[in-house]
Amino acid sequence: MICFNELMLVNYCHSDCTPMMNIMRLPKADAFRLAHEMAEAHPETTAFYRFADFENYYALRETQDAYLYARFIELGGQPEEKHPLSFVIENSDYLREWFGNGIETRLLLKEVDPVHISFTIGDSGADFQKNGYVDLLTLDELRSRLSEYESFDAFMKDTGRNYVEVQLWSDRYLGLCETVVNI
């Protein structure tokens, strides 16, 4: 049985970025300037390929985040931010490499009030772009899906996805985070 009190949330960040920042929270001109700088400075880094076409990425993220925000409220969530901070449950070697084995920020799931957190099985952005919607889950819904598994790894193997994405809709938990620099 999976112990929810021990599940760790992990945010990955490239070493040239500031941990726990969301480019969508910047004023639009600043977001475009930063995206251009990062794409130009790191053309070989997977995490910044999407910034090479930031005009389309920005529009997609605006629409996607508005969708997630509204859907989260429909599910009973109480977001304090319009754009969430993204984590995954436990870890993701895929994302660790994607962000150049840079900085990890960790937070225990049990520290977060359920009204401030939502989940998707896999990448919300890719699912939204492909399908026009996202299967957004509350903590109770995720707990229900995980209840039939002996381990989180078994659940992940069964989903065929790389990770469970976590959307943290409040910054009040940032003081509880632990940051680890891998490089």
Protein backbone atom coordinates (compact mmCIF):
# COMPACT_ATOMS: atom_id res chain seq x y z
CA MET A 1 0.00 0.00 0.00
CA ILE A 2 1.30 3.45 -0.94
CA CYS A 3 1.96 5.72 2.04
CA PHE A 4 0.81 9.21 1.06
CA ASN A 5 2.58 10.77 4.04
CA GLU A 6 5.92 9.76 2.51
CA LEU A 7 5.34 10.85 -1.10
CA MET A 8 7.75 13.56 -2.22
CA LEU A 9 7.01 16.29 -4.75
CA VAL A 10 9.98 17.25 -6.93
CA ASN A 11 10.45 20.32 -9.13
CA TYR A 12 13.26 20.25 -11.70
CA CYS A 13 15.05 23.39 -12.82
CA HIS A 14 18.00 24.03 -15.12
CA SER A 15 21.07 25.27 -13.23
CA ASP A 16 20.91 28.65 -15.04
CA CYS A 17 17.35 29.27 -13.84
CA THR A 18 15.88 30.38 -10.56
CA PRO A 19 14.14 27.53 -8.73
CA MET A 20 10.40 27.77 -8.14
CA MET A 21 9.74 30.35 -10.81
CA ASN A 22 7.11 30.17 -13.55
CA ILE A 23 7.85 32.22 -16.65
CA MET A 24 4.12 32.78 -17.10
CA ARG A 25 4.02 34.83 -13.91
CA LEU A 26 6.32 37.47 -15.37
CA PRO A 27 4.99 40.49 -17.24
CA LYS A 28 4.64 39.46 -20.89
CA ALA A 29 7.57 41.56 -22.19
CA ASP A 30 9.86 40.19 -19.46
CA ALA A 31 8.75 36.62 -20.19
CA PHE A 32 9.54 37.03 -23.90
CA ARG A 33 12.93 38.61 -23.16
CA LEU A 34 13.90 35.85 -20.72
CA ALA A 35 12.70 33.09 -23.04
CA HIS A 36 14.76 34.51 -25.90
CA GLU A 37 17.85 34.79 -23.66
CA MET A 38 17.51 31.22 -22.38
CA ALA A 39 16.87 29.71 -25.82
CA GLU A 40 19.85 31.55 -27.26
CA ALA A 41 22.18 30.70 -24.36
CA HIS A 42 21.19 27.00 -24.29
CA PRO A 43 20.33 25.77 -27.79
CA GLU A 44 21.43 22.23 -26.86
CA THR A 45 19.28 22.02 -23.73
CA THR A 46 15.95 20.25 -24.16
CA ALA A 47 14.23 22.39 -21.53
CA PHE A 48 14.59 25.52 -23.66
CA TYR A 49 13.65 24.24 -27.13
CA ARG A 50 10.07 25.42 -26.57
CA PHE A 51 11.36 28.94 -25.94
CA ALA A 52 12.74 29.15 -29.50
CA ASP A 53 9.10 29.59 -30.61
CA PHE A 54 7.94 31.41 -27.51
CA GLU A 55 5.12 33.27 -29.23
CA ASN A 56 3.26 30.01 -29.84
CA TYR A 57 4.39 28.47 -26.55
CA TYR A 58 3.23 31.52 -24.57
CA ALA A 59 -0.23 31.51 -26.19
CA LEU A 60 -0.58 27.78 -25.55
CA ARG A 61 0.47 28.14 -21.91
CA GLU A 62 -1.91 31.04 -21.33
CA THR A 63 -4.81 28.98 -22.65
CA GLN A 64 -3.69 25.80 -20.89
CA ASP A 65 -3.17 27.47 -17.51
CA ALA A 66 -6.56 29.21 -17.75
CA TYR A 67 -8.16 25.84 -18.51
CA LEU A 68 -6.39 24.12 -15.58
CA TYR A 69 -7.27 27.01 -13.25
CA ALA A 70 -10.98 26.90 -14.14
CA ARG A 71 -11.11 23.10 -14.02
CA PHE A 72 -9.39 23.05 -10.62
CA ILE A 73 -12.00 25.45 -9.24
CA GLU A 74 -14.77 23.23 -10.67
CA LEU A 75 -13.23 20.31 -8.75
CA GLY A 76 -13.30 22.28 -5.48
CA GLY A 77 -9.76 23.67 -5.58
CA GLN A 78 -8.89 27.07 -4.18
CA PRO A 79 -5.99 28.34 -6.29
CA GLU A 80 -4.11 31.36 -4.98
CA GLU A 81 -2.10 31.81 -8.19
CA LYS A 82 -3.25 31.95 -11.83
CA HIS A 83 -0.21 29.95 -12.97
CA PRO A 84 0.85 26.93 -10.91
CA LEU A 85 4.32 25.76 -10.01
CA SER A 86 5.00 22.35 -11.53
CA PHE A 87 6.28 19.33 -9.66
CA VAL A 88 6.18 15.58 -10.16
CA ILE A 89 5.50 12.90 -7.59
CA GLU A 90 8.61 11.10 -6.34
CA ASN A 91 10.97 11.68 -9.28
CA SER A 92 11.43 11.51 -13.01
CA ASP A 93 14.74 10.57 -14.61
CA TYR A 94 13.22 11.81 -17.86
CA LEU A 95 12.67 15.35 -16.48
CA ARG A 96 15.93 15.36 -14.53
CA GLU A 97 17.78 14.90 -17.82
CA TRP A 98 15.42 17.29 -19.63
CA PHE A 99 16.48 20.04 -17.22
CA GLY A 100 20.19 19.21 -17.53
CA ASN A 101 20.52 17.43 -14.17
CA GLY A 102 20.31 20.84 -12.53
CA ILE A 103 18.42 21.92 -9.43
CA GLU A 104 15.76 19.91 -7.63
CA THR A 105 13.33 21.39 -5.15
CA ARG A 106 11.49 18.93 -2.92
CA LEU A 107 8.36 19.18 -0.81
CA LEU A 108 6.48 16.46 1.06
CA LEU A 109 2.97 16.00 -0.32
CA LYS A 110 1.54 15.81 3.21
CA GLU A 111 2.62 19.45 3.78
CA VAL A 112 0.20 20.75 1.12
CA ASP A 113 -3.49 21.45 1.73
CA PRO A 114 -5.52 19.49 -0.86
CA VAL A 115 -7.32 22.69 -1.95
CA HIS A 116 -3.99 23.99 -3.33
CA ILE A 117 -2.84 21.04 -5.42
CA SER A 118 -3.92 19.12 -8.52
CA PHE A 119 -2.46 16.29 -10.59
CA THR A 120 -2.28 14.93 -14.11
CA ILE A 121 -1.01 11.54 -15.21
CA GLY A 122 1.72 12.68 -17.58
CA ASP A 123 2.44 16.11 -19.03
CA SER A 124 -0.55 18.48 -18.83
CA GLY A 125 0.81 20.68 -21.62
CA ALA A 126 1.28 17.82 -24.07
CA ASP A 127 -2.15 16.40 -23.25
CA PHE A 128 -3.81 19.80 -23.61
CA GLN A 129 -2.09 20.48 -26.92
CA LYS A 130 -3.00 17.03 -28.26
CA ASN A 131 -6.55 16.67 -26.89
CA GLY A 132 -7.75 20.17 -26.00
CA TYR A 133 -8.42 19.03 -22.45
CA VAL A 134 -6.61 17.53 -19.48
CA ASP A 135 -7.75 14.85 -17.03
CA LEU A 136 -7.14 16.94 -13.92
CA LEU A 137 -7.28 15.09 -10.60
CA THR A 138 -7.75 16.20 -7.02
CA LEU A 139 -5.75 14.57 -4.23
CA ASP A 140 -8.73 12.36 -3.35
CA GLU A 141 -9.09 11.24 -6.97
CA LEU A 142 -5.38 10.46 -7.22
CA ARG A 143 -5.48 8.60 -3.90
CA SER A 144 -8.38 6.52 -5.24
CA ARG A 145 -6.46 5.61 -8.40
CA LEU A 146 -3.36 4.70 -6.42
CA SER A 147 -5.24 2.67 -3.79
CA GLU A 148 -5.10 -0.57 -5.75
CA TYR A 149 -1.31 -0.50 -6.15
CA GLU A 150 1.38 -1.79 -3.82
CA SER A 151 3.87 0.89 -4.86
CA PHE A 152 4.03 4.15 -6.75
CA ASP A 153 6.48 2.54 -9.21
CA ALA A 154 3.90 -0.17 -10.00
CA PHE A 155 1.30 2.51 -10.67
CA MET A 156 3.66 4.40 -12.98
CA LYS A 157 4.57 1.26 -14.87
CA ASP A 158 0.87 0.51 -15.39
CA THR A 159 0.15 4.04 -16.73
CA GLY A 160 2.90 3.89 -19.34
CA ARG A 161 3.64 7.58 -18.62
CA ASN A 162 6.90 9.18 -17.47
CA TYR A 163 5.55 10.91 -14.37
CA VAL A 164 2.58 12.26 -12.46
CA GLU A 165 2.63 16.02 -12.87
CA VAL A 166 1.66 18.14 -9.88
CA GLN A 167 0.27 21.66 -10.09
CA LEU A 168 0.88 23.65 -6.90
CA TRP A 169 -1.54 26.59 -6.87
CA SER A 170 -0.17 28.41 -3.83
CA ASP A 171 3.27 29.79 -2.96
CA ARG A 172 2.69 29.51 0.80
CA TYR A 173 4.56 26.17 0.89
CA LEU A 174 7.82 27.42 -0.62
CA GLY A 175 9.36 27.93 2.83
CA LEU A 176 8.93 24.17 3.44
CA CYS A 177 10.89 23.20 0.32
CA GLU A 178 14.38 21.72 0.24
CA THR A 179 16.60 22.62 -2.71
CA VAL A 180 19.32 20.29 -4.01
CA VAL A 181 21.87 21.30 -6.66
CA ASN A 182 22.94 18.26 -8.70
CA ILE A 183 25.69 19.86 -10.77
